[in-house]
Amino acid sequence: MRRTFLMEALSAKTRSVNARSLKNRLRNPCFMLALALFLAAPLYAHHLKKGESATLPVTTTSPKARELYEKGMADYENLYLERCNEDWRAAVKEDPNLAVAWAWIAFNSSNPKEVSEARAQAKQLAPKATAGEQLMVAWISKVEDGDFLGGITAMNDMLEMYPHDKHLLYLTGNWLMGENGDDQAQRFFEKALAIDKNFPAALNDLAYVEARNRQFAKAFAAMDRYVVMLPKEPNPQDSYGELLRMAGNFEGSLTHYRAALKIDPDFVTSQLGLGDTYALMGDQEQARVEYDKAIRFAHNEADRLTYSMQRAMTFVRDGKYAEADREYTTIALTAHAKEQDLQEAQAMRQLAEYQTDDSVALRNLTVAENALHHQPTISASDRDEEMSRILRNRAVRAARAGDQALADLSLHQLEALANGSRNRVIQSSYHGAAGTLLMDQKKYPDAIAHLEEDQDNPFTMELLVQAYYQTGQTDKLHEVEAKLRGTNAPTMEQALVVPAIRAKRPVI
């Protein structure tokens, strides 16, 4: 399992959504500008002094708080994603002034109210901490506040101060993966492994990058090392299971997920992984059995709702749309009652995605948008990312319903959101929507220019196959069609596109 920083449900480890993962990243000019600033000399580095120690310090007078904070970071690297929250909560009880612990609670918690309060605490306390800790807090808080470039700048300056801290290098790469920056992330994992060739967390994420690039032999070789390094930890087995599933080896995937659960029956993401794998295999009944177990043992309400959405998706895969409607509606109502606004919006947006009636889909998208504004606690980054997905769907549905005015308005809103952000998820949403509308107008070269910026989405890949066919680009057509047919991600987009594509003969 690997932790990304998006909230969309992509797989047992990529919850952000929609994310939710293949090759050809980082082509967007805006995102590249941000990364160029990040990878070049930091904007304010000449004002900073490199840390005297090799690793970023932790400002606290409490040895117990320090121990708990460090345990939380170790648990985070081993993907105990709720246990690390408990560690950091205990740390701030021992020392309420421990700014970085508050920052990581804000970053990793699934409770919107806790996230908002912890972020405020971290920002308030940061001036009392060291310069490096201040930058860590700024990185986390600025990203969550929607200041993507400011967050990258702070992260850059932090690394300039502590260039040999393997843990910071790992965290940087891990965050970049969450933002679809796999090529850049790989550099940081390689730097971390140059410092410590047996650093498990970096090796794990490097294997994911290789798998996303379809370099499965390299990925599995890394996994073999990872399992040997941590034979008593569940995550190596869990990660192996996910990578095998990505490669289409479902039976091998199930074997490794079960091995993870044998090591730790409470490693719930492996239980979820069983459900996701059975769903992709086409056994929706067994998938629901496995999802029910994951839901029962979920560690927090947000995960419980996310797992429930995965279960609801099995009815879409089965073509039982009325049952899917009931499931998603119930999830949205539960999320609303629990003040889990993001999950409410996601449930309503997913409900819209498979509707055959565009007017019904548009109504559901309106409810999804409203959910994002029920409470002020949802982070700006989460709200903007999910809003970008809603606008993408609205633009496409409105165009197909013949409401060109609404389609144009939605695309304009999405373009404005993309122009004001370096967030790759938002950029992808915009380019996917713009390319789809251009395809409807048969403006194939213009459509291709946008669609190539969103190549991980099955809807986009399907359109690219058509666009390459219309423009006679046979080699690119074959490449994208093979990637589409080989997509094994437990997402709504995969459910709606890939099985139908596999049932047809290749285009040429």
Protein backbone atom coordinates (compact mmCIF):
# COMPACT_ATOMS: atom_id res chain seq x y z
CA MET A 1 0.00 0.00 0.00
CA ARG A 2 1.11 3.53 -0.60
CA ARG A 3 -0.36 6.71 0.78
CA THR A 4 -1.22 9.44 -1.67
CA PHE A 5 -2.55 12.80 -0.81
CA LEU A 6 -5.69 12.81 -2.88
CA MET A 7 -9.03 11.90 -1.37
CA GLU A 8 -10.59 10.23 -4.39
CA ALA A 9 -10.96 6.46 -4.10
CA LEU A 10 -8.62 4.88 -6.63
CA SER A 11 -7.55 1.62 -5.05
CA ALA A 12 -6.70 0.12 -1.73
CA LYS A 13 -4.05 2.75 -1.41
CA THR A 14 -4.90 5.63 -3.59
CA ARG A 15 -7.82 7.36 -2.04
CA SER A 16 -7.91 10.49 -3.72
CA VAL A 17 -9.56 10.23 -5.64
CA ASN A 18 -9.84 9.51 -8.88
CA ALA A 19 -7.28 9.16 -8.63
CA ARG A 20 -7.22 7.57 -7.83
CA SER A 21 -2.17 5.86 -12.61
CA LEU A 22 -0.17 4.94 -15.56
CA LYS A 23 2.62 6.60 -17.58
CA ASN A 24 3.13 9.87 -19.49
CA ARG A 25 2.87 12.33 -16.58
CA LEU A 26 3.73 15.96 -16.16
CA ARG A 27 2.96 17.30 -19.63
CA ASN A 28 0.86 20.20 -18.39
CA PRO A 29 2.71 23.53 -18.75
CA CYS A 30 1.29 25.03 -15.55
CA PHE A 31 2.21 22.04 -13.46
CA MET A 32 5.62 21.90 -15.08
CA LEU A 33 6.17 25.54 -14.17
CA ALA A 34 5.46 24.76 -10.56
CA LEU A 35 7.73 21.73 -10.60
CA ALA A 36 10.45 23.70 -12.37
CA LEU A 37 10.37 26.22 -9.55
CA PHE A 38 10.47 23.34 -7.11
CA LEU A 39 13.35 21.51 -8.73
CA ALA A 40 15.43 24.60 -9.43
CA ALA A 41 17.16 26.69 -6.77
CA PRO A 42 14.55 27.60 -4.15
CA LEU A 43 13.06 31.05 -4.32
CA TYR A 44 14.18 32.03 -0.86
CA ALA A 45 17.11 29.69 -0.31
CA HIS A 46 19.63 32.52 -0.07
CA HIS A 47 17.87 33.63 3.13
CA LEU A 48 18.13 30.17 4.67
CA LYS A 49 20.87 28.34 6.46
CA LYS A 50 21.29 24.64 5.81
CA GLY A 51 20.47 22.56 8.86
CA GLU A 52 23.38 21.75 11.10
CA SER A 53 22.07 18.22 11.54
CA ALA A 54 21.41 15.77 8.74
CA THR A 55 17.73 15.51 9.59
CA LEU A 56 14.98 17.98 10.34
CA PRO A 57 14.78 18.60 14.11
CA VAL A 58 11.66 18.34 16.26
CA THR A 59 11.09 21.21 18.65
CA THR A 60 9.75 19.86 21.94
CA THR A 61 10.82 19.77 25.58
CA SER A 62 9.01 16.46 26.07
CA PRO A 63 10.97 13.27 25.31
CA LYS A 64 7.67 11.38 25.31
CA ALA A 65 6.15 13.73 22.73
CA ARG A 66 9.21 13.35 20.53
CA GLU A 67 9.03 9.56 20.80
CA LEU A 68 5.34 9.55 19.88
CA TYR A 69 5.87 11.92 16.96
CA GLU A 70 8.68 9.78 15.56
CA LYS A 71 6.62 6.63 16.07
CA GLY A 72 3.85 8.29 14.08
CA MET A 73 6.21 9.01 11.21
CA ALA A 74 7.44 5.40 11.26
CA ASP A 75 3.85 4.13 11.26
CA TYR A 76 3.07 6.50 8.39
CA GLU A 77 5.93 5.09 6.34
CA ASN A 78 4.65 1.58 7.05
CA LEU A 79 1.15 2.67 5.99
CA TYR A 80 -0.58 2.31 9.33
CA LEU A 81 -2.59 5.34 8.34
CA GLU A 82 -4.87 5.51 11.36
CA ARG A 83 -2.36 4.36 13.94
CA CYS A 84 -0.03 7.21 13.00
CA ASN A 85 -2.86 9.67 13.67
CA GLU A 86 -3.24 8.17 17.13
CA ASP A 87 0.49 8.59 17.71
CA TRP A 88 0.41 12.27 16.74
CA ARG A 89 -2.71 12.92 18.81
CA ALA A 90 -0.93 11.42 21.79
CA ALA A 91 2.15 13.52 21.01
CA VAL A 92 0.25 16.82 21.15
CA LYS A 93 -1.34 15.75 24.41
CA GLU A 94 2.17 15.40 25.82
CA ASP A 95 3.27 18.69 24.24
CA PRO A 96 0.45 20.90 22.88
CA ASN A 97 3.09 23.16 21.28
CA LEU A 98 4.46 20.49 18.92
CA ALA A 99 3.65 22.25 15.65
CA VAL A 100 4.76 19.53 13.22
CA ALA A 101 2.59 16.91 14.94
CA TRP A 102 -0.42 19.19 14.53
CA ALA A 103 0.54 19.65 10.87
CA TRP A 104 0.61 15.94 10.19
CA ILE A 105 -2.72 15.42 11.95
CA ALA A 106 -4.11 18.07 9.60
CA PHE A 107 -2.54 16.34 6.64
CA ASN A 108 -3.60 12.79 7.39
CA SER A 109 -6.80 12.87 9.44
CA SER A 110 -10.09 12.06 7.75
CA ASN A 111 -12.15 14.13 10.20
CA PRO A 112 -12.81 17.53 8.56
CA LYS A 113 -13.27 19.34 11.87
CA GLU A 114 -10.08 17.85 13.30
CA VAL A 115 -8.19 18.73 10.11
CA SER A 116 -9.31 22.35 10.25
CA GLU A 117 -8.50 22.76 13.93
CA ALA A 118 -5.14 20.99 13.67
CA ARG A 119 -4.08 23.09 10.69
CA ALA A 120 -4.95 26.27 12.61
CA GLN A 121 -2.92 25.04 15.60
CA ALA A 122 0.07 24.19 13.44
CA LYS A 123 0.09 27.61 11.79
CA GLN A 124 -0.27 29.39 15.11
CA LEU A 125 2.57 27.44 16.73
CA ALA A 126 4.96 27.40 13.76
CA PRO A 127 6.79 30.66 14.69
CA LYS A 128 8.01 28.97 17.87
CA ALA A 129 9.63 26.13 15.92
CA THR A 130 12.85 25.91 13.91
CA ALA A 131 13.05 27.27 10.38
CA GLY A 132 12.85 23.77 8.91
CA GLU A 133 9.75 22.91 10.91
CA GLN A 134 8.16 26.20 9.87
CA LEU A 135 8.68 25.20 6.25
CA MET A 136 7.15 21.77 6.84
CA VAL A 137 4.08 23.40 8.37
CA ALA A 138 3.93 25.90 5.49
CA TRP A 139 4.18 23.11 2.91
CA ILE A 140 1.24 21.22 4.42
CA SER A 141 -0.96 24.19 5.27
CA LYS A 142 -0.46 26.04 2.00
CA VAL A 143 -1.29 22.99 -0.09
CA GLU A 144 -4.43 22.37 1.94
CA ASP A 145 -5.36 26.06 1.68
CA GLY A 146 -5.14 25.81 -2.10
CA ASP A 147 -1.83 27.69 -2.45
CA PHE A 148 -0.19 24.95 -4.49
CA LEU A 149 2.81 26.96 -5.65
CA GLY A 150 3.40 28.36 -2.16
CA GLY A 151 3.37 24.82 -0.77
CA ILE A 152 5.89 23.65 -3.38
CA THR A 153 8.14 26.61 -2.59
CA ALA A 154 8.09 25.82 1.14
CA MET A 155 8.79 22.16 0.45
CA ASN A 156 11.67 23.13 -1.81
CA ASP A 157 13.23 25.37 0.82
CA MET A 158 12.83 22.67 3.46
CA LEU A 159 14.75 20.21 1.29
CA GLU A 160 17.42 22.80 0.64
CA MET A 161 18.02 22.98 4.38
CA TYR A 162 18.08 19.20 4.86
CA PRO A 163 19.12 17.66 1.53
CA HIS A 164 20.31 14.41 3.15
CA ASP A 165 17.21 13.65 5.21
CA LYS A 166 15.96 10.46 3.56
CA HIS A 167 12.61 10.75 5.29
CA LEU A 168 11.97 14.20 3.83
CA LEU A 169 13.01 12.94 0.40
CA TYR A 170 10.54 10.10 0.74
CA LEU A 171 7.71 12.39 1.89
CA THR A 172 8.40 14.71 -1.03
CA GLY A 173 8.29 11.88 -3.56
CA ASN A 174 5.21 10.41 -1.96
CA TRP A 175 3.40 13.74 -2.21
CA LEU A 176 4.45 14.18 -5.85
CA MET A 177 3.03 10.74 -6.64
CA GLY A 178 -0.26 11.87 -5.16
CA GLU A 179 -0.17 14.79 -7.56
CA ASN A 180 0.54 12.52 -10.55
CA GLY A 181 4.17 13.62 -10.71
CA ASP A 182 5.63 10.13 -10.97
CA ASP A 183 8.72 11.02 -13.01
CA GLN A 184 9.76 13.69 -10.53
CA ALA A 185 8.84 11.50 -7.56
CA GLN A 186 11.15 8.79 -8.85
CA ARG A 187 14.12 11.14 -8.53
CA PHE A 188 13.46 11.65 -4.85
CA PHE A 189 13.02 7.98 -4.10
CA GLU A 190 16.30 7.31 -5.88
CA LYS A 191 18.00 10.05 -3.83
CA ALA A 192 16.62 8.54 -0.63
CA LEU A 193 17.83 5.09 -1.65
CA ALA A 194 21.25 6.51 -2.49
CA ILE A 195 21.46 7.58 1.16
CA ASP A 196 20.07 4.25 2.40
CA LYS A 197 19.72 1.52 -0.23
CA ASN A 198 17.57 -0.47 2.19
CA PHE A 199 15.06 2.28 3.00
CA PRO A 200 11.77 0.33 2.79
CA ALA A 201 9.34 3.24 2.32
CA ALA A 202 11.25 4.66 -0.65
CA LEU A 203 11.64 1.21 -2.20
CA ASN A 204 7.90 0.62 -1.91
CA ASP A 205 6.95 3.84 -3.66
CA LEU A 206 9.64 3.41 -6.31
CA ALA A 207 8.02 0.08 -7.18
CA TYR A 208 4.70 1.86 -7.66
CA VAL A 209 6.27 4.36 -10.04
CA GLU A 210 7.74 1.50 -12.06
CA ALA A 211 4.42 -0.34 -12.13
CA ARG A 212 2.60 2.77 -13.29
CA ASN A 213 5.12 2.98 -16.12
CA ARG A 214 4.32 -0.66 -16.95
CA GLN A 215 7.84 -1.71 -15.92
CA PHE A 216 6.46 -4.62 -13.93
CA ALA A 217 9.65 -6.69 -13.87
CA LYS A 218 11.45 -3.86 -12.06
CA ALA A 219 8.48 -3.30 -9.78
CA PHE A 220 8.28 -6.95 -8.75
CA ALA A 221 12.03 -7.09 -8.17
CA ALA A 222 11.67 -4.15 -5.78
CA MET A 223 8.74 -5.87 -4.10
CA ASP A 224 10.79 -9.01 -3.57
CA ARG A 225 13.39 -6.90 -1.72
CA TYR A 226 10.69 -5.05 0.23
CA VAL A 227 9.13 -8.29 1.49
CA VAL A 228 12.52 -9.58 2.64
CA MET A 229 13.27 -6.31 4.46
CA LEU A 230 10.00 -6.33 6.42
CA PRO A 231 8.83 -9.94 6.68
CA LYS A 232 6.65 -9.25 9.71
CA GLU A 233 4.93 -6.17 8.30
CA PRO A 234 1.69 -6.45 6.28
CA ASN A 235 2.28 -3.59 3.87
CA PRO A 236 4.89 -5.31 1.66
CA GLN A 237 2.42 -8.12 0.99
CA ASP A 238 -0.36 -5.59 0.48
CA SER A 239 1.69 -3.58 -2.01
CA TYR A 240 2.68 -6.73 -3.87
CA GLY A 241 -1.00 -7.59 -4.13
CA GLU A 242 -1.87 -4.23 -5.62
CA LEU A 243 0.96 -4.25 -8.14
CA LEU A 244 0.07 -7.76 -9.28
CA ARG A 245 -3.52 -6.61 -9.77
CA MET A 246 -2.32 -3.66 -11.83
CA ALA A 247 -0.50 -6.19 -14.02
CA GLY A 248 -3.63 -8.32 -14.36
CA ASN A 249 -2.44 -11.20 -12.14
CA PHE A 250 -5.57 -11.39 -10.02
CA GLU A 251 -4.93 -14.75 -8.38
CA GLY A 252 -1.46 -13.64 -7.33
CA SER A 253 -2.97 -10.44 -6.01
CA LEU A 254 -5.44 -12.32 -3.84
CA THR A 255 -2.65 -14.50 -2.45
CA HIS A 256 -0.61 -11.52 -1.29
CA TYR A 257 -3.59 -9.67 0.18
CA ARG A 258 -4.42 -12.76 2.22
CA ALA A 259 -0.79 -13.00 3.32
CA ALA A 260 -0.97 -9.40 4.57
CA LEU A 261 -4.11 -10.16 6.56
CA LYS A 262 -2.48 -13.24 8.03
CA ILE A 263 0.31 -11.02 9.37
CA ASP A 264 -2.14 -8.40 10.65
CA PRO A 265 -5.89 -9.12 10.47
CA ASP A 266 -6.54 -5.44 11.24
CA PHE A 267 -4.74 -4.19 8.11
CA VAL A 268 -8.06 -3.24 6.59
CA THR A 269 -6.75 -1.93 3.27
CA SER A 270 -5.81 -5.51 2.40
CA GLN A 271 -9.37 -6.56 3.10
CA LEU A 272 -10.49 -3.77 0.79
CA GLY A 273 -7.92 -4.99 -1.73
CA LEU A 274 -9.63 -8.37 -1.81
CA GLY A 275 -12.92 -6.67 -2.63
CA ASP A 276 -11.36 -4.50 -5.33
CA THR A 277 -9.64 -7.48 -6.91
CA TYR A 278 -12.76 -9.65 -7.02
CA ALA A 279 -14.65 -6.69 -8.52
CA LEU A 280 -12.10 -6.39 -11.33
CA MET A 281 -12.23 -10.16 -11.85
CA GLY A 282 -15.96 -9.88 -12.46
CA ASP A 283 -17.07 -11.72 -9.31
CA GLN A 284 -19.23 -8.96 -7.85
CA GLU A 285 -20.98 -11.19 -5.31
CA GLN A 286 -17.70 -12.22 -3.68
CA ALA A 287 -16.47 -8.62 -3.94
CA ARG A 288 -19.44 -7.52 -1.84
CA VAL A 289 -18.63 -10.16 0.76
CA GLU A 290 -15.10 -8.81 1.05
CA TYR A 291 -16.23 -5.17 1.04
CA ASP A 292 -18.68 -5.89 3.85
CA LYS A 293 -15.78 -7.08 6.01
CA ALA A 294 -13.75 -3.98 5.18
CA ILE A 295 -16.70 -1.72 6.01
CA ARG A 296 -17.25 -3.50 9.31
CA PHE A 297 -13.64 -3.08 10.42
CA ALA A 298 -12.94 0.36 8.94
CA HIS A 299 -10.87 2.54 11.25
CA ASN A 300 -12.80 5.77 10.71
CA GLU A 301 -16.02 7.09 9.24
CA ALA A 302 -14.46 8.48 6.07
CA ASP A 303 -12.91 5.11 5.22
CA ARG A 304 -16.18 3.36 6.00
CA LEU A 305 -18.00 5.59 3.52
CA THR A 306 -15.28 5.19 0.89
CA TYR A 307 -15.38 1.40 1.20
CA SER A 308 -19.17 1.56 0.91
CA MET A 309 -18.81 3.44 -2.38
CA GLN A 310 -16.57 0.68 -3.67
CA ARG A 311 -19.25 -1.82 -2.71
CA ALA A 312 -21.95 0.23 -4.43
CA MET A 313 -19.85 0.20 -7.60
CA THR A 314 -20.24 -3.58 -7.83
CA PHE A 315 -23.88 -3.06 -8.76
CA VAL A 316 -22.81 -0.74 -11.58
CA ARG A 317 -20.43 -3.45 -12.80
CA ASP A 318 -23.33 -5.94 -12.61
CA GLY A 319 -25.63 -3.59 -14.54
CA LYS A 320 -27.99 -3.41 -11.54
CA TYR A 321 -28.41 0.34 -11.68
CA ALA A 322 -31.49 0.66 -9.48
CA GLU A 323 -29.64 -1.11 -6.68
CA ALA A 324 -26.61 1.09 -7.27
CA ASP A 325 -28.84 4.17 -7.05
CA ARG A 326 -30.16 3.05 -3.67
CA GLU A 327 -26.68 2.31 -2.35
CA TYR A 328 -25.13 5.61 -3.43
CA THR A 329 -28.11 7.62 -2.18
CA THR A 330 -27.88 5.94 1.22
CA ILE A 331 -24.15 6.60 1.39
CA ALA A 332 -24.69 10.28 0.56
CA LEU A 333 -27.37 10.63 3.24
CA THR A 334 -25.15 8.92 5.80
CA ALA A 335 -22.22 11.11 4.88
CA HIS A 336 -24.40 14.20 5.24
CA ALA A 337 -25.54 13.10 8.69
CA LYS A 338 -21.94 12.44 9.71
CA GLU A 339 -20.78 15.83 8.31
CA GLN A 340 -18.46 14.06 5.86
CA ASP A 341 -19.06 16.54 3.07
CA LEU A 342 -16.37 15.29 0.71
CA GLN A 343 -17.69 11.74 0.79
CA GLU A 344 -21.24 13.03 0.28
CA ALA A 345 -20.11 14.93 -2.81
CA GLN A 346 -18.16 11.94 -4.13
CA ALA A 347 -21.13 9.62 -3.69
CA MET A 348 -23.46 11.95 -5.58
CA ARG A 349 -20.91 12.55 -8.32
CA GLN A 350 -20.37 8.82 -8.78
CA LEU A 351 -24.13 8.36 -8.82
CA ALA A 352 -24.25 10.85 -11.69
CA GLU A 353 -21.46 9.23 -13.70
CA TYR A 354 -23.32 6.08 -14.74
CA GLN A 355 -26.76 7.59 -15.34
CA THR A 356 -28.16 7.12 -18.84
CA ASP A 357 -30.41 10.19 -18.47
CA ASP A 358 -28.37 13.38 -18.69
CA SER A 359 -30.96 15.43 -16.82
CA VAL A 360 -30.83 13.02 -13.87
CA ALA A 361 -27.05 13.14 -13.92
CA LEU A 362 -27.08 16.95 -13.90
CA ARG A 363 -29.42 17.03 -10.89
CA ASN A 364 -27.12 14.68 -9.00
CA LEU A 365 -24.14 16.85 -9.83
CA THR A 366 -25.92 19.88 -8.39
CA VAL A 367 -26.46 18.00 -5.13
CA ALA A 368 -22.80 17.00 -5.18
CA GLU A 369 -21.70 20.61 -5.59
CA ASN A 370 -23.97 21.76 -2.77
CA ALA A 371 -22.45 19.16 -0.46
CA LEU A 372 -19.03 20.79 -0.80
CA HIS A 373 -20.37 23.93 0.88
CA HIS A 374 -22.31 22.49 3.83
CA GLN A 375 -19.49 23.02 6.32
CA PRO A 376 -16.52 25.43 6.35
CA THR A 377 -14.12 22.73 7.58
CA ILE A 378 -13.40 21.01 4.25
CA SER A 379 -9.97 22.04 2.97
CA ALA A 380 -9.69 24.28 -0.07
CA SER A 381 -7.60 21.68 -1.91
CA ASP A 382 -10.17 18.91 -1.35
CA ARG A 383 -13.04 21.19 -2.32
CA ASP A 384 -11.36 22.44 -5.49
CA GLU A 385 -10.30 18.98 -6.65
CA GLU A 386 -13.76 17.51 -6.20
CA MET A 387 -15.37 20.60 -7.73
CA SER A 388 -13.17 20.13 -10.79
CA ARG A 389 -14.51 16.61 -11.23
CA ILE A 390 -18.08 17.81 -10.83
CA LEU A 391 -17.57 20.57 -13.41
CA ARG A 392 -15.97 18.13 -15.82
CA ASN A 393 -18.96 15.83 -15.65
CA ARG A 394 -21.38 18.75 -15.85
CA ALA A 395 -19.76 20.19 -18.98
CA VAL A 396 -19.87 16.85 -20.77
CA ARG A 397 -23.42 15.97 -19.69
CA ALA A 398 -24.78 19.41 -20.52
CA ALA A 399 -23.28 19.28 -24.01
CA ARG A 400 -24.79 15.88 -24.65
CA ALA A 401 -28.15 17.06 -23.32
CA GLY A 402 -28.09 19.90 -25.85
CA ASP A 403 -27.61 22.62 -23.21
CA GLN A 404 -24.60 24.29 -24.80
CA ALA A 405 -24.89 27.36 -22.60
CA LEU A 406 -24.47 25.27 -19.44
CA ALA A 407 -21.67 23.27 -21.05
CA ASP A 408 -19.80 26.45 -21.98
CA LEU A 409 -20.36 27.96 -18.54
CA SER A 410 -19.12 24.83 -16.79
CA LEU A 411 -16.02 24.64 -18.97
CA HIS A 412 -15.34 28.34 -18.37
CA GLN A 413 -15.60 27.82 -14.60
CA LEU A 414 -13.32 24.82 -14.82
CA GLU A 415 -10.80 26.73 -16.93
CA ALA A 416 -10.77 29.55 -14.37
CA LEU A 417 -10.21 27.02 -11.59
CA ALA A 418 -7.35 25.45 -13.54
CA ASN A 419 -5.77 28.80 -14.37
CA GLY A 420 -5.73 29.69 -10.69
CA SER A 421 -4.13 26.46 -9.53
CA ARG A 422 -1.06 24.33 -10.16
CA ASN A 423 -2.96 21.28 -8.92
CA ARG A 424 -2.55 18.44 -11.43
CA VAL A 425 -5.94 16.91 -10.60
CA ILE A 426 -7.67 20.16 -11.52
CA GLN A 427 -5.56 20.52 -14.65
CA SER A 428 -6.52 17.00 -15.73
CA SER A 429 -10.21 17.68 -15.14
CA TYR A 430 -10.06 20.78 -17.32
CA HIS A 431 -8.18 19.15 -20.19
CA GLY A 432 -10.42 16.08 -20.08
CA ALA A 433 -13.55 18.21 -20.32
CA ALA A 434 -12.16 20.53 -23.01
CA GLY A 435 -10.97 17.58 -25.11
CA THR A 436 -14.31 15.81 -24.81
CA LEU A 437 -16.27 18.84 -26.00
CA LEU A 438 -13.88 19.32 -28.92
CA MET A 439 -14.34 15.67 -29.88
CA ASP A 440 -18.10 16.26 -29.97
CA GLN A 441 -17.37 19.03 -32.46
CA LYS A 442 -15.08 16.72 -34.49
CA LYS A 443 -12.14 19.08 -33.95
CA TYR A 444 -9.76 16.17 -33.59
CA PRO A 445 -6.32 17.84 -33.57
CA ASP A 446 -7.47 20.40 -31.00
CA ALA A 447 -9.09 17.66 -28.93
CA ILE A 448 -5.93 15.57 -28.95
CA ALA A 449 -3.89 18.46 -27.57
CA HIS A 450 -6.15 18.50 -24.50
CA LEU A 451 -6.80 14.79 -24.13
CA GLU A 452 -3.09 13.99 -24.07
CA GLU A 453 -2.92 15.98 -20.82
CA ASP A 454 -5.31 13.52 -19.14
CA GLN A 455 -4.17 10.13 -20.37
CA ASP A 456 -4.86 8.14 -17.20
CA ASN A 457 -8.66 8.49 -17.39
CA PRO A 458 -10.37 5.62 -19.25
CA PHE A 459 -12.97 8.00 -20.75
CA THR A 460 -10.11 10.08 -22.13
CA MET A 461 -8.19 7.08 -23.42
CA GLU A 462 -11.29 5.86 -25.25
CA LEU A 463 -11.64 9.26 -26.94
CA LEU A 464 -7.94 9.35 -27.78
CA VAL A 465 -8.27 6.04 -29.62
CA GLN A 466 -11.03 7.59 -31.74
CA ALA A 467 -9.10 10.82 -32.29
CA TYR A 468 -5.93 9.01 -33.34
CA TYR A 469 -8.00 6.88 -35.73
CA GLN A 470 -9.55 9.97 -37.30
CA THR A 471 -6.14 11.62 -37.72
CA GLY A 472 -4.34 8.50 -38.96
CA GLN A 473 -1.94 8.20 -35.99
CA THR A 474 -1.90 4.42 -35.91
CA ASP A 475 1.09 3.91 -33.61
CA LYS A 476 -0.35 6.17 -30.92
CA LEU A 477 -3.73 4.52 -31.35
CA HIS A 478 -2.29 1.08 -30.64
CA GLU A 479 -0.34 2.35 -27.63
CA VAL A 480 -3.33 4.01 -25.99
CA GLU A 481 -5.72 1.17 -26.80
CA ALA A 482 -3.35 -1.36 -25.24
CA LYS A 483 -3.04 0.82 -22.14
CA LEU A 484 -6.81 1.16 -21.92
CA ARG A 485 -7.42 -2.57 -22.25
CA GLY A 486 -4.78 -3.22 -19.60
CA THR A 487 -6.19 -0.78 -17.03
CA ASN A 488 -7.01 -2.60 -13.80
CA ALA A 489 -7.99 0.14 -11.39
CA PRO A 490 -11.07 -0.24 -9.16
CA THR A 491 -12.63 3.06 -10.28
CA MET A 492 -15.96 4.10 -11.74
CA GLU A 493 -14.27 5.19 -14.97
CA GLN A 494 -12.72 1.76 -15.39
CA ALA A 495 -16.03 0.07 -14.63
CA LEU A 496 -17.88 2.10 -17.25
CA VAL A 497 -15.31 1.90 -20.05
CA VAL A 498 -12.80 -0.94 -19.86
CA PRO A 499 -15.01 -4.08 -19.69
CA ALA A 500 -16.97 -2.86 -22.73
CA ILE A 501 -13.74 -2.12 -24.62
CA ARG A 502 -12.38 -5.58 -23.85
CA ALA A 503 -15.56 -7.13 -25.22
CA LYS A 504 -14.89 -5.54 -28.62
CA ARG A 505 -12.25 -6.29 -31.20
CA PRO A 506 -9.35 -3.81 -31.36
CA VAL A 507 -9.96 -0.77 -33.55
CA ILE A 508 -7.41 -1.85 -36.18
